[in-house]
Amino acid sequence: METAKKNSKASRQSILDMVYTAMFTAIICVCSIISINIGTVPITLQTFAVCVSAAMLGWKRGTISIILYILLGAAGLPVFAGFSGGIGILTGATGGYIIGFIFTALIVGICADKYDRKLVPLIISMVIGIAVCYALGTPWFMFVTNMDLKISLGYCVIPFLPFDAIKIVLATVIVNRLSKAVKI
């Protein structure tokens, strides 16, 4: 009888994990589609959604949700910026940033798990996570476009810093409030 209860509880938790992971994957997809073209790299809510997903779900489920998002896009579903999809996006100029989301999720998720979604550690982890995403995506952008570092930073990093700061503030406030109301 005791074993049956444990199995039932574990099965229920496993189903909840899948539902939450799928739900946050869907949120990332929707936030990625919302974009403003300002050049080669659009402004999107992807980084916002990646940070919220990882902070709410933790490192394991958060990273899985990012990987699922990337796999959906690679399979051709139009879930990347500008309603695009396909492996060509991942091998194109912005593909390094999309792959960088995995590492952003790991960093933010580990911090969220370790520091119980406290505001200051979340802000710091999101700043570091997005910086790592830039550190991975910018060399890839340089390789694909054959542009030098200064020009690439002008296209891909500097214009986005104010928007990323706003996204980080909003993400930490939402996660801080939501995690008190909802136990995921």
N, C-alpha and C. Protein backbone atom coordinates (compact mmCIF):
# COMPACT_ATOMS: atom_id res chain seq x y z
N MET A 1 0.83 -1.19 0.00
CA MET A 1 0.00 0.00 0.00
C MET A 1 0.88 1.26 0.00
N GLU A 2 1.91 1.25 0.84
CA GLU A 2 2.83 2.40 0.93
C GLU A 2 3.54 2.63 -0.40
N THR A 3 3.96 1.55 -1.06
CA THR A 3 4.64 1.65 -2.34
C THR A 3 3.72 2.21 -3.40
N ALA A 4 2.46 1.81 -3.37
CA ALA A 4 1.48 2.31 -4.35
C ALA A 4 1.28 3.82 -4.19
N LYS A 5 1.25 4.30 -2.97
CA LYS A 5 1.11 5.74 -2.72
C LYS A 5 2.32 6.50 -3.24
N LYS A 6 3.51 5.95 -2.98
CA LYS A 6 4.74 6.59 -3.47
C LYS A 6 4.76 6.63 -4.99
N ASN A 7 4.38 5.52 -5.63
CA ASN A 7 4.35 5.46 -7.09
C ASN A 7 3.34 6.44 -7.66
N SER A 8 2.19 6.55 -7.01
CA SER A 8 1.15 7.47 -7.46
C SER A 8 1.62 8.92 -7.33
N LYS A 9 2.27 9.23 -6.23
CA LYS A 9 2.78 10.58 -6.02
C LYS A 9 3.89 10.90 -7.02
N ALA A 10 4.78 9.96 -7.26
CA ALA A 10 5.86 10.16 -8.23
C ALA A 10 5.30 10.32 -9.63
N SER A 11 4.28 9.54 -9.96
CA SER A 11 3.65 9.63 -11.28
C SER A 11 2.97 10.98 -11.46
N ARG A 12 2.28 11.44 -10.42
CA ARG A 12 1.62 12.76 -10.46
C ARG A 12 2.66 13.87 -10.65
N GLN A 13 3.77 13.77 -9.92
CA GLN A 13 4.82 14.79 -10.04
C GLN A 13 5.44 14.76 -11.43
N SER A 14 5.63 13.59 -11.98
CA SER A 14 6.19 13.46 -13.32
C SER A 14 5.27 14.11 -14.36
N ILE A 15 3.99 13.90 -14.21
CA ILE A 15 3.02 14.52 -15.13
C ILE A 15 3.04 16.04 -14.97
N LEU A 16 3.08 16.52 -13.75
CA LEU A 16 3.16 17.97 -13.51
C LEU A 16 4.44 18.55 -14.11
N ASP A 17 5.56 17.85 -13.96
CA ASP A 17 6.82 18.31 -14.55
C ASP A 17 6.68 18.46 -16.06
N MET A 18 6.07 17.48 -16.70
CA MET A 18 5.89 17.54 -18.16
C MET A 18 4.98 18.70 -18.56
N VAL A 19 3.91 18.90 -17.80
CA VAL A 19 2.96 19.97 -18.11
C VAL A 19 3.63 21.34 -17.95
N TYR A 20 4.33 21.54 -16.84
CA TYR A 20 5.01 22.83 -16.63
C TYR A 20 6.09 23.08 -17.68
N THR A 21 6.84 22.04 -18.01
CA THR A 21 7.89 22.18 -19.01
C THR A 21 7.28 22.55 -20.36
N ALA A 22 6.22 21.87 -20.74
CA ALA A 22 5.54 22.17 -22.01
C ALA A 22 4.94 23.58 -21.99
N MET A 23 4.35 23.96 -20.87
CA MET A 23 3.74 25.28 -20.76
C MET A 23 4.79 26.38 -20.93
N PHE A 24 5.92 26.24 -20.30
CA PHE A 24 6.96 27.26 -20.43
C PHE A 24 7.63 27.22 -21.80
N THR A 25 7.68 26.06 -22.42
CA THR A 25 8.15 25.99 -23.81
C THR A 25 7.22 26.80 -24.70
N ALA A 26 5.92 26.66 -24.49
CA ALA A 26 4.94 27.43 -25.26
C ALA A 26 5.09 28.93 -25.01
N ILE A 27 5.35 29.31 -23.78
CA ILE A 27 5.55 30.73 -23.46
C ILE A 27 6.77 31.27 -24.19
N ILE A 28 7.85 30.50 -24.23
CA ILE A 28 9.06 30.92 -24.96
C ILE A 28 8.73 31.08 -26.44
N CYS A 29 7.98 30.14 -26.99
CA CYS A 29 7.60 30.22 -28.41
C CYS A 29 6.83 31.50 -28.70
N VAL A 30 5.86 31.82 -27.89
CA VAL A 30 5.05 33.02 -28.09
C VAL A 30 5.91 34.28 -27.94
N CYS A 31 6.73 34.31 -26.91
CA CYS A 31 7.58 35.49 -26.67
C CYS A 31 8.63 35.67 -27.77
N SER A 32 9.02 34.60 -28.41
CA SER A 32 10.01 34.69 -29.48
C SER A 32 9.41 35.27 -30.75
N ILE A 33 8.15 35.01 -30.96
CA ILE A 33 7.48 35.49 -32.16
C ILE A 33 7.29 37.01 -32.11
N ILE A 34 7.13 37.52 -30.91
CA ILE A 34 6.96 38.97 -30.73
C ILE A 34 8.33 39.61 -30.96
N SER A 35 8.48 40.32 -32.08
CA SER A 35 9.79 40.89 -32.39
C SER A 35 9.66 42.22 -33.11
N ILE A 36 10.70 43.02 -32.92
CA ILE A 36 10.82 44.31 -33.60
C ILE A 36 12.12 44.26 -34.38
N ASN A 37 12.03 44.37 -35.70
CA ASN A 37 13.23 44.35 -36.52
C ASN A 37 13.95 45.69 -36.46
N ILE A 38 15.21 45.61 -36.06
CA ILE A 38 16.04 46.83 -36.04
C ILE A 38 17.31 46.61 -36.85
N GLY A 39 17.32 45.52 -37.60
CA GLY A 39 18.51 45.18 -38.38
C GLY A 39 18.65 43.69 -38.49
N THR A 40 19.86 43.20 -38.48
CA THR A 40 20.12 41.77 -38.62
C THR A 40 19.55 40.97 -37.46
N VAL A 41 19.64 41.50 -36.26
CA VAL A 41 19.17 40.83 -35.06
C VAL A 41 17.98 41.60 -34.50
N PRO A 42 16.79 40.97 -34.41
CA PRO A 42 15.61 41.68 -33.92
C PRO A 42 15.55 41.74 -32.39
N ILE A 43 14.78 42.68 -31.90
CA ILE A 43 14.47 42.73 -30.47
C ILE A 43 13.30 41.79 -30.25
N THR A 44 13.45 40.86 -29.32
CA THR A 44 12.38 39.92 -29.01
C THR A 44 12.22 39.81 -27.49
N LEU A 45 11.25 39.03 -27.09
CA LEU A 45 11.08 38.73 -25.67
C LEU A 45 11.64 37.35 -25.33
N GLN A 46 12.49 36.80 -26.23
CA GLN A 46 13.08 35.49 -26.00
C GLN A 46 13.86 35.44 -24.69
N THR A 47 14.78 36.38 -24.51
CA THR A 47 15.61 36.33 -23.31
C THR A 47 14.77 36.47 -22.05
N PHE A 48 13.74 37.29 -22.12
CA PHE A 48 12.80 37.43 -21.00
C PHE A 48 12.17 36.08 -20.68
N ALA A 49 11.64 35.40 -21.70
CA ALA A 49 10.97 34.12 -21.50
C ALA A 49 11.94 33.04 -21.04
N VAL A 50 13.15 33.04 -21.57
CA VAL A 50 14.16 32.07 -21.15
C VAL A 50 14.48 32.26 -19.67
N CYS A 51 14.67 33.50 -19.26
CA CYS A 51 14.99 33.78 -17.85
C CYS A 51 13.85 33.42 -16.92
N VAL A 52 12.62 33.76 -17.29
CA VAL A 52 11.45 33.43 -16.46
C VAL A 52 11.29 31.91 -16.37
N SER A 53 11.40 31.24 -17.51
CA SER A 53 11.24 29.77 -17.52
C SER A 53 12.26 29.09 -16.63
N ALA A 54 13.52 29.45 -16.79
CA ALA A 54 14.58 28.82 -16.01
C ALA A 54 14.43 29.14 -14.52
N ALA A 55 14.08 30.38 -14.21
CA ALA A 55 13.93 30.77 -12.80
C ALA A 55 12.74 30.07 -12.15
N MET A 56 11.66 29.92 -12.88
CA MET A 56 10.49 29.26 -12.30
C MET A 56 10.64 27.75 -12.23
N LEU A 57 11.22 27.16 -13.28
CA LEU A 57 11.28 25.70 -13.36
C LEU A 57 12.54 25.10 -12.74
N GLY A 58 13.57 25.92 -12.54
CA GLY A 58 14.84 25.38 -12.06
C GLY A 58 15.69 24.92 -13.21
N TRP A 59 16.90 24.48 -12.90
CA TRP A 59 17.87 24.22 -13.96
C TRP A 59 17.46 23.06 -14.86
N LYS A 60 16.93 21.99 -14.29
CA LYS A 60 16.65 20.80 -15.10
C LYS A 60 15.46 21.02 -16.03
N ARG A 61 14.31 21.33 -15.47
CA ARG A 61 13.11 21.51 -16.29
C ARG A 61 13.22 22.76 -17.16
N GLY A 62 13.87 23.81 -16.63
CA GLY A 62 14.05 25.03 -17.41
C GLY A 62 14.91 24.80 -18.64
N THR A 63 16.00 24.06 -18.47
CA THR A 63 16.87 23.75 -19.59
C THR A 63 16.17 22.84 -20.59
N ILE A 64 15.40 21.90 -20.10
CA ILE A 64 14.64 21.03 -21.00
C ILE A 64 13.64 21.85 -21.82
N SER A 65 13.00 22.83 -21.19
CA SER A 65 12.03 23.65 -21.94
C SER A 65 12.73 24.45 -23.05
N ILE A 66 13.94 24.91 -22.80
CA ILE A 66 14.71 25.64 -23.83
C ILE A 66 15.11 24.69 -24.96
N ILE A 67 15.56 23.51 -24.60
CA ILE A 67 15.96 22.52 -25.61
C ILE A 67 14.75 22.13 -26.46
N LEU A 68 13.59 21.95 -25.84
CA LEU A 68 12.38 21.64 -26.60
C LEU A 68 12.03 22.77 -27.57
N TYR A 69 12.15 24.00 -27.10
CA TYR A 69 11.90 25.17 -27.95
C TYR A 69 12.83 25.14 -29.17
N ILE A 70 14.11 24.89 -28.93
CA ILE A 70 15.09 24.85 -30.02
C ILE A 70 14.78 23.70 -30.98
N LEU A 71 14.40 22.55 -30.45
CA LEU A 71 14.07 21.41 -31.31
C LEU A 71 12.83 21.69 -32.15
N LEU A 72 11.84 22.33 -31.55
CA LEU A 72 10.64 22.71 -32.33
C LEU A 72 11.00 23.62 -33.49
N GLY A 73 11.85 24.61 -33.20
CA GLY A 73 12.29 25.53 -34.25
C GLY A 73 13.13 24.84 -35.29
N ALA A 74 14.03 23.97 -34.86
CA ALA A 74 14.89 23.24 -35.80
C ALA A 74 14.06 22.33 -36.71
N ALA A 75 12.96 21.82 -36.18
CA ALA A 75 12.07 20.95 -36.97
C ALA A 75 11.27 21.74 -38.00
N GLY A 76 11.35 23.06 -37.93
CA GLY A 76 10.67 23.88 -38.93
C GLY A 76 9.46 24.64 -38.44
N LEU A 77 9.05 24.42 -37.20
CA LEU A 77 7.93 25.19 -36.68
C LEU A 77 8.35 26.65 -36.55
N PRO A 78 7.48 27.58 -36.88
CA PRO A 78 7.86 29.00 -36.87
C PRO A 78 7.86 29.61 -35.47
N VAL A 79 8.79 29.17 -34.63
CA VAL A 79 8.84 29.62 -33.24
C VAL A 79 10.00 30.56 -32.95
N PHE A 80 10.86 30.78 -33.93
CA PHE A 80 11.96 31.70 -33.74
C PHE A 80 11.51 33.11 -34.10
N ALA A 81 12.34 34.08 -33.84
CA ALA A 81 12.02 35.49 -34.08
C ALA A 81 11.47 35.69 -35.50
N GLY A 82 10.47 36.55 -35.59
CA GLY A 82 9.89 36.87 -36.89
C GLY A 82 9.10 35.73 -37.50
N PHE A 83 8.60 34.84 -36.67
CA PHE A 83 7.78 33.71 -37.14
C PHE A 83 8.58 32.80 -38.07
N SER A 84 9.86 32.57 -37.73
CA SER A 84 10.72 31.75 -38.57
C SER A 84 11.03 30.43 -37.88
N GLY A 85 11.52 29.49 -38.63
CA GLY A 85 11.91 28.20 -38.10
C GLY A 85 12.82 27.49 -39.08
N GLY A 86 13.34 26.38 -38.66
CA GLY A 86 14.19 25.58 -39.53
C GLY A 86 15.63 25.58 -39.07
N ILE A 87 16.34 24.58 -39.50
CA ILE A 87 17.75 24.41 -39.12
C ILE A 87 18.59 25.57 -39.64
N GLY A 88 18.15 26.19 -40.73
CA GLY A 88 18.88 27.33 -41.29
C GLY A 88 18.98 28.50 -40.33
N ILE A 89 18.01 28.67 -39.48
CA ILE A 89 18.07 29.74 -38.47
C ILE A 89 19.18 29.43 -37.46
N LEU A 90 19.28 28.17 -37.07
CA LEU A 90 20.31 27.78 -36.09
C LEU A 90 21.71 27.87 -36.67
N THR A 91 21.84 27.64 -37.97
CA THR A 91 23.15 27.75 -38.60
C THR A 91 23.40 29.14 -39.16
N GLY A 92 22.39 30.01 -39.07
CA GLY A 92 22.52 31.37 -39.57
C GLY A 92 23.16 32.29 -38.54
N ALA A 93 23.10 33.57 -38.83
CA ALA A 93 23.80 34.59 -38.03
C ALA A 93 23.37 34.61 -36.56
N THR A 94 22.11 34.34 -36.27
CA THR A 94 21.64 34.43 -34.89
C THR A 94 21.60 33.09 -34.16
N GLY A 95 22.01 32.02 -34.84
CA GLY A 95 21.94 30.69 -34.24
C GLY A 95 22.73 30.53 -32.96
N GLY A 96 23.86 31.19 -32.87
CA GLY A 96 24.68 31.09 -31.66
C GLY A 96 23.98 31.65 -30.43
N TYR A 97 23.17 32.68 -30.64
CA TYR A 97 22.42 33.24 -29.52
C TYR A 97 21.33 32.27 -29.07
N ILE A 98 20.68 31.64 -30.03
CA ILE A 98 19.63 30.68 -29.68
C ILE A 98 20.22 29.51 -28.90
N ILE A 99 21.35 28.99 -29.35
CA ILE A 99 22.03 27.91 -28.61
C ILE A 99 22.49 28.43 -27.24
N GLY A 100 22.88 29.68 -27.17
CA GLY A 100 23.29 30.30 -25.91
C GLY A 100 22.20 30.30 -24.86
N PHE A 101 20.93 30.24 -25.30
CA PHE A 101 19.82 30.20 -24.35
C PHE A 101 19.91 28.99 -23.43
N ILE A 102 20.47 27.90 -23.92
CA ILE A 102 20.62 26.70 -23.09
C ILE A 102 21.50 27.02 -21.87
N PHE A 103 22.59 27.72 -22.11
CA PHE A 103 23.51 28.06 -21.02
C PHE A 103 22.92 29.13 -20.11
N THR A 104 22.15 30.04 -20.69
CA THR A 104 21.44 31.03 -19.87
C THR A 104 20.50 30.31 -18.91
N ALA A 105 19.77 29.34 -19.43
CA ALA A 105 18.83 28.57 -18.60
C ALA A 105 19.55 27.81 -17.50
N LEU A 106 20.68 27.22 -17.83
CA LEU A 106 21.45 26.49 -16.80
C LEU A 106 21.88 27.43 -15.68
N ILE A 107 22.42 28.58 -16.04
CA ILE A 107 22.92 29.53 -15.05
C ILE A 107 21.78 30.06 -14.18
N VAL A 108 20.73 30.52 -14.81
CA VAL A 108 19.59 31.09 -14.07
C VAL A 108 18.90 30.00 -13.25
N GLY A 109 18.72 28.83 -13.84
CA GLY A 109 18.04 27.74 -13.13
C GLY A 109 18.80 27.25 -11.91
N ILE A 110 20.12 27.11 -12.04
CA ILE A 110 20.93 26.67 -10.90
C ILE A 110 20.83 27.70 -9.77
N CYS A 111 20.92 28.96 -10.12
CA CYS A 111 20.83 30.02 -9.11
C CYS A 111 19.44 30.04 -8.46
N ALA A 112 18.40 29.89 -9.27
CA ALA A 112 17.04 29.88 -8.72
C ALA A 112 16.86 28.73 -7.75
N ASP A 113 17.39 27.57 -8.09
CA ASP A 113 17.29 26.42 -7.20
C ASP A 113 18.09 26.63 -5.92
N LYS A 114 19.30 27.15 -6.08
CA LYS A 114 20.21 27.29 -4.93
C LYS A 114 19.76 28.40 -3.97
N TYR A 115 19.29 29.53 -4.51
CA TYR A 115 18.95 30.68 -3.68
C TYR A 115 17.45 30.92 -3.55
N ASP A 116 16.67 29.90 -3.84
CA ASP A 116 15.22 29.93 -3.62
C ASP A 116 14.55 31.15 -4.26
N ARG A 117 14.99 31.51 -5.47
CA ARG A 117 14.39 32.58 -6.28
C ARG A 117 14.41 33.95 -5.61
N LYS A 118 15.43 34.19 -4.80
CA LYS A 118 15.57 35.51 -4.17
C LYS A 118 15.96 36.53 -5.23
N LEU A 119 15.51 37.76 -5.03
CA LEU A 119 15.60 38.81 -6.03
C LEU A 119 17.03 39.12 -6.49
N VAL A 120 17.93 39.43 -5.59
CA VAL A 120 19.28 39.84 -5.98
C VAL A 120 20.04 38.70 -6.68
N PRO A 121 20.04 37.48 -6.12
CA PRO A 121 20.72 36.40 -6.86
C PRO A 121 20.11 36.16 -8.25
N LEU A 122 18.79 36.31 -8.37
CA LEU A 122 18.16 36.14 -9.68
C LEU A 122 18.65 37.20 -10.67
N ILE A 123 18.71 38.43 -10.22
CA ILE A 123 19.19 39.51 -11.11
C ILE A 123 20.62 39.21 -11.56
N ILE A 124 21.47 38.85 -10.61
CA ILE A 124 22.87 38.57 -10.93
C ILE A 124 22.97 37.39 -11.90
N SER A 125 22.19 36.33 -11.65
CA SER A 125 22.26 35.15 -12.53
C SER A 125 21.75 35.47 -13.93
N MET A 126 20.73 36.30 -14.03
CA MET A 126 20.21 36.67 -15.35
C MET A 126 21.21 37.54 -16.12
N VAL A 127 21.87 38.44 -15.42
CA VAL A 127 22.90 39.25 -16.07
C VAL A 127 24.02 38.34 -16.58
N ILE A 128 24.48 37.42 -15.74
CA ILE A 128 25.54 36.50 -16.14
C ILE A 128 25.06 35.59 -17.27
N GLY A 129 23.85 35.08 -17.15
CA GLY A 129 23.30 34.18 -18.17
C GLY A 129 23.19 34.85 -19.53
N ILE A 130 22.70 36.08 -19.55
CA ILE A 130 22.59 36.80 -20.83
C ILE A 130 23.98 37.16 -21.35
N ALA A 131 24.89 37.50 -20.46
CA ALA A 131 26.27 37.78 -20.89
C ALA A 131 26.90 36.54 -21.54
N VAL A 132 26.65 35.37 -20.98
CA VAL A 132 27.17 34.13 -21.56
C VAL A 132 26.52 33.89 -22.93
N CYS A 133 25.24 34.17 -23.04
CA CYS A 133 24.56 34.04 -24.32
C CYS A 133 25.21 34.95 -25.37
N TYR A 134 25.51 36.18 -24.99
CA TYR A 134 26.21 37.10 -25.89
C TYR A 134 27.61 36.57 -26.22
N ALA A 135 28.28 36.02 -25.22
CA ALA A 135 29.64 35.52 -25.43
C ALA A 135 29.67 34.33 -26.38
N LEU A 136 28.61 33.57 -26.44
CA LEU A 136 28.52 32.45 -27.37
C LEU A 136 27.99 32.89 -28.73
N GLY A 137 27.00 33.76 -28.72
CA GLY A 137 26.35 34.16 -29.96
C GLY A 137 27.15 35.11 -30.82
N THR A 138 27.88 36.01 -30.20
CA THR A 138 28.62 37.02 -30.97
C THR A 138 29.74 36.41 -31.81
N PRO A 139 30.55 35.51 -31.28
CA PRO A 139 31.57 34.88 -32.16
C PRO A 139 30.93 34.11 -33.32
N TRP A 140 29.79 33.46 -33.05
CA TRP A 140 29.10 32.75 -34.12
C TRP A 140 28.63 33.74 -35.18
N PHE A 141 28.05 34.86 -34.73
CA PHE A 141 27.61 35.91 -35.66
C PHE A 141 28.79 36.40 -36.48
N MET A 142 29.92 36.62 -35.84
CA MET A 142 31.13 37.08 -36.54
C MET A 142 31.58 36.05 -37.59
N PHE A 143 31.53 34.79 -37.24
CA PHE A 143 31.94 33.73 -38.14
C PHE A 143 31.02 33.67 -39.37
N VAL A 144 29.71 33.71 -39.14
CA VAL A 144 28.74 33.59 -40.24
C VAL A 144 28.75 34.82 -41.14
N THR A 145 28.85 36.00 -40.53
CA THR A 145 28.75 37.24 -41.32
C THR A 145 30.10 37.77 -41.77
N ASN A 146 31.16 37.23 -41.23
CA ASN A 146 32.52 37.70 -41.54
C ASN A 146 32.73 39.17 -41.14
N MET A 147 32.11 39.57 -40.04
CA MET A 147 32.27 40.93 -39.51
C MET A 147 33.25 40.89 -38.35
N ASP A 148 33.89 42.02 -38.07
CA ASP A 148 34.83 42.06 -36.95
C ASP A 148 34.06 42.28 -35.64
N LEU A 149 34.78 42.20 -34.54
CA LEU A 149 34.16 42.29 -33.22
C LEU A 149 33.45 43.61 -33.00
N LYS A 150 34.09 44.71 -33.34
CA LYS A 150 33.49 46.02 -33.09
C LYS A 150 32.15 46.18 -33.81
N ILE A 151 32.11 45.80 -35.06
CA ILE A 151 30.87 45.91 -35.82
C ILE A 151 29.82 44.94 -35.28
N SER A 152 30.25 43.73 -34.95
CA SER A 152 29.32 42.73 -34.41
C SER A 152 28.71 43.18 -33.09
N LEU A 153 29.53 43.75 -32.22
CA LEU A 153 28.99 44.27 -30.96
C LEU A 153 27.98 45.39 -31.21
N GLY A 154 28.24 46.20 -32.23
CA GLY A 154 27.32 47.27 -32.60
C GLY A 154 26.00 46.76 -33.14
N TYR A 155 26.02 45.62 -33.80
CA TYR A 155 24.80 45.01 -34.33
C TYR A 155 24.06 44.18 -33.30
N CYS A 156 24.81 43.44 -32.48
CA CYS A 156 24.22 42.35 -31.71
C CYS A 156 24.20 42.51 -30.19
N VAL A 157 24.96 43.44 -29.66
CA VAL A 157 25.03 43.52 -28.21
C VAL A 157 24.62 44.90 -27.71
N ILE A 158 25.36 45.91 -28.09
CA ILE A 158 25.16 47.26 -27.53
C ILE A 158 23.73 47.77 -27.66
N PRO A 159 23.08 47.65 -28.83
CA PRO A 159 21.70 48.16 -28.92
C PRO A 159 20.72 47.42 -28.02
N PHE A 160 21.07 46.21 -27.60
CA PHE A 160 20.14 45.38 -26.84
C PHE A 160 20.30 45.49 -25.33
N LEU A 161 21.38 46.09 -24.87
CA LEU A 161 21.64 46.16 -23.44
C LEU A 161 20.53 46.87 -22.65
N PRO A 162 20.03 48.02 -23.10
CA PRO A 162 18.94 48.65 -22.34
C PRO A 162 17.68 47.78 -22.29
N PHE A 163 17.36 47.13 -23.41
CA PHE A 163 16.18 46.25 -23.45
C PHE A 163 16.37 45.04 -22.55
N ASP A 164 17.57 44.48 -22.55
CA ASP A 164 17.85 43.34 -21.68
C ASP A 164 17.78 43.73 -20.21
N ALA A 165 18.22 44.93 -19.88
CA ALA A 165 18.11 45.40 -18.49
C ALA A 165 16.64 45.46 -18.06
N ILE A 166 15.80 45.97 -18.93
CA ILE A 166 14.37 46.05 -18.63
C ILE A 166 13.78 44.64 -18.50
N LYS A 167 14.16 43.75 -19.40
CA LYS A 167 13.66 42.37 -19.36
C LYS A 167 14.09 41.68 -18.06
N ILE A 168 15.31 41.92 -17.64
CA ILE A 168 15.81 41.29 -16.41
C ILE A 168 15.02 41.79 -15.20
N VAL A 169 14.79 43.08 -15.14
CA VAL A 169 14.02 43.64 -14.02
C VAL A 169 12.61 43.05 -14.01
N LEU A 170 11.95 43.05 -15.16
CA LEU A 170 10.60 42.50 -15.24
C LEU A 170 10.57 41.01 -14.91
N ALA A 171 11.53 40.27 -15.43
CA ALA A 171 11.58 38.82 -15.17
C ALA A 171 11.78 38.53 -13.69
N THR A 172 12.68 39.25 -13.04
CA THR A 172 12.93 38.97 -11.62
C THR A 172 11.72 39.34 -10.76
N VAL A 173 11.08 40.42 -11.09
CA VAL A 173 9.88 40.81 -10.32
C VAL A 173 8.77 39.78 -10.52
N ILE A 174 8.54 39.37 -11.75
CA ILE A 174 7.50 38.38 -12.03
C ILE A 174 7.81 37.05 -11.34
N VAL A 175 9.03 36.58 -11.45
CA VAL A 175 9.41 35.31 -10.83
C VAL A 175 9.31 35.41 -9.32
N ASN A 176 9.78 36.50 -8.76
CA ASN A 176 9.73 36.69 -7.31
C ASN A 176 8.29 36.65 -6.80
N ARG A 177 7.39 37.30 -7.50
CA ARG A 177 5.98 37.32 -7.09
C ARG A 177 5.29 35.99 -7.39
N LEU A 178 5.50 35.48 -8.59
CA LEU A 178 4.84 34.27 -9.01
C LEU A 178 5.26 33.06 -8.19
N SER A 179 6.54 32.99 -7.84
CA SER A 179 7.02 31.83 -7.08
C SER A 179 6.46 31.80 -5.67
N LYS A 180 6.02 32.95 -5.16
CA LYS A 180 5.38 32.97 -3.85
C LYS A 180 3.92 32.48 -3.93
N ALA A 181 3.31 32.68 -5.09
CA ALA A 181 1.91 32.29 -5.26
C ALA A 181 1.74 30.88 -5.81
N VAL A 182 2.68 30.45 -6.63
CA VAL A 182 2.57 29.16 -7.31
C VAL A 182 3.81 28.32 -7.00
N LYS A 183 3.62 27.14 -6.53
CA LYS A 183 4.73 26.22 -6.26
C LYS A 183 4.85 25.27 -7.44
N ILE A 184 5.89 25.53 -8.24
CA ILE A 184 6.08 24.68 -9.43
C ILE A 184 7.15 23.67 -9.13
